[in-house]
Amino acid sequence: MANNTYLPPSYVVPNWLTITAVTRSYPMIVTVAESNLYIAGQSLHFSVPSSYGMTQIDQKTATIMEVVGLNFYMSLDSTGFDSFA
């Protein structure tokens, strides 16, 4: 039997995150404000108002490759994207 990380019954934990920074790189690194229980292998769907810049990630879904503190390393190449405000 594989070792699985327990996640409380919820669609996601928390069900929204405040993004404070996004890099223009591969992998794309997303920094959030809230502590959370997300793990590698889960997917994040981005809903980013145009006033925040980097409109290219709005309505995209990407997989978390690694979590380090409040940083998510995402399976998305954002090297050619606009800056995140």
Protein backbone atom coordinates (compact mmCIF):
# COMPACT_ATOMS: atom_id res chain seq x y z
CA MET A 1 0.00 0.00 0.00
CA ALA A 2 1.33 3.43 -0.95
CA ASN A 3 1.77 6.18 1.62
CA ASN A 4 -0.82 8.83 0.94
CA THR A 5 -1.04 12.20 2.62
CA TYR A 6 -4.37 12.65 4.37
CA LEU A 7 -6.45 15.57 3.16
CA PRO A 8 -9.65 16.49 5.02
CA PRO A 9 -12.83 15.99 2.99
CA SER A 10 -13.00 19.12 0.87
CA TYR A 11 -12.81 20.02 -2.79
CA VAL A 12 -9.47 21.74 -2.04
CA VAL A 13 -7.85 22.96 1.17
CA PRO A 14 -8.29 25.96 1.31
CA ASN A 15 -10.71 26.40 -1.56
CA TRP A 16 -8.96 29.60 -2.71
CA LEU A 17 -5.48 31.10 -2.36
CA THR A 18 -4.21 34.67 -2.62
CA ILE A 19 -1.39 34.79 -5.14
CA THR A 20 1.34 37.27 -4.14
CA ALA A 21 3.88 36.54 -6.91
CA VAL A 22 4.32 34.53 -10.10
CA THR A 23 7.64 34.04 -11.88
CA ARG A 24 8.18 34.16 -15.63
CA SER A 25 10.01 30.83 -15.84
CA TYR A 26 9.74 27.08 -16.27
CA PRO A 27 8.65 25.75 -13.99
CA MET A 28 6.41 28.68 -13.13
CA ILE A 29 6.68 29.44 -9.40
CA VAL A 30 3.54 30.73 -7.71
CA THR A 31 3.82 32.26 -4.23
CA VAL A 32 0.68 32.38 -2.10
CA ALA A 33 -0.17 34.21 1.12
CA GLU A 34 -1.99 31.43 3.00
CA SER A 35 -0.58 28.28 4.55
CA ASN A 36 -2.25 25.27 2.95
CA LEU A 37 -2.29 21.51 2.56
CA TYR A 38 -1.63 21.28 -1.17
CA ILE A 39 0.82 18.61 -2.34
CA ALA A 40 2.69 17.69 -5.53
CA GLY A 41 0.42 16.04 -8.07
CA GLN A 42 -2.63 18.18 -7.35
CA SER A 43 -3.93 20.66 -9.91
CA LEU A 44 -4.56 24.37 -9.49
CA HIS A 45 -6.99 26.33 -11.63
CA PHE A 46 -6.09 30.00 -12.00
CA SER A 47 -8.61 32.83 -11.99
CA VAL A 48 -6.63 36.04 -12.33
CA PRO A 49 -8.25 39.44 -12.95
CA SER A 50 -6.62 41.36 -15.81
CA SER A 51 -5.64 44.15 -13.41
CA TYR A 52 -3.07 41.75 -11.89
CA GLY A 53 -1.26 41.27 -15.18
CA MET A 54 -0.11 37.92 -16.55
CA THR A 55 -3.49 37.41 -18.19
CA GLN A 56 -2.07 34.35 -19.95
CA ILE A 57 -2.59 32.19 -16.83
CA ASP A 58 -6.23 33.20 -16.35
CA GLN A 59 -8.50 30.13 -16.65
CA LYS A 60 -5.54 27.75 -17.04
CA THR A 61 -5.08 24.61 -14.96
CA ALA A 62 -1.63 23.27 -14.10
CA THR A 63 -0.21 20.51 -11.93
CA ILE A 64 1.85 21.19 -8.82
CA MET A 65 5.30 19.65 -9.32
CA GLU A 66 6.71 20.60 -5.91
CA VAL A 67 5.70 22.61 -2.86
CA VAL A 68 8.36 24.54 -0.90
CA GLY A 69 6.89 26.65 1.89
CA LEU A 70 4.37 28.98 0.26
CA ASN A 71 5.80 28.38 -3.23
CA PHE A 72 4.24 26.07 -5.79
CA TYR A 73 6.42 24.87 -8.66
CA MET A 74 3.91 24.45 -11.49
CA SER A 75 3.96 22.44 -14.72
CA LEU A 76 3.50 25.58 -16.78
CA ASP A 77 6.05 27.50 -18.85
CA SER A 78 5.47 31.21 -18.22
CA THR A 79 8.71 32.52 -19.76
CA GLY A 80 6.89 34.48 -22.50
CA PHE A 81 4.04 35.71 -20.30
CA ASP A 82 3.43 39.27 -19.13
CA SER A 83 4.61 40.19 -15.62
CA PHE A 84 2.37 39.52 -12.63
CA ALA A 85 1.52 42.76 -10.82
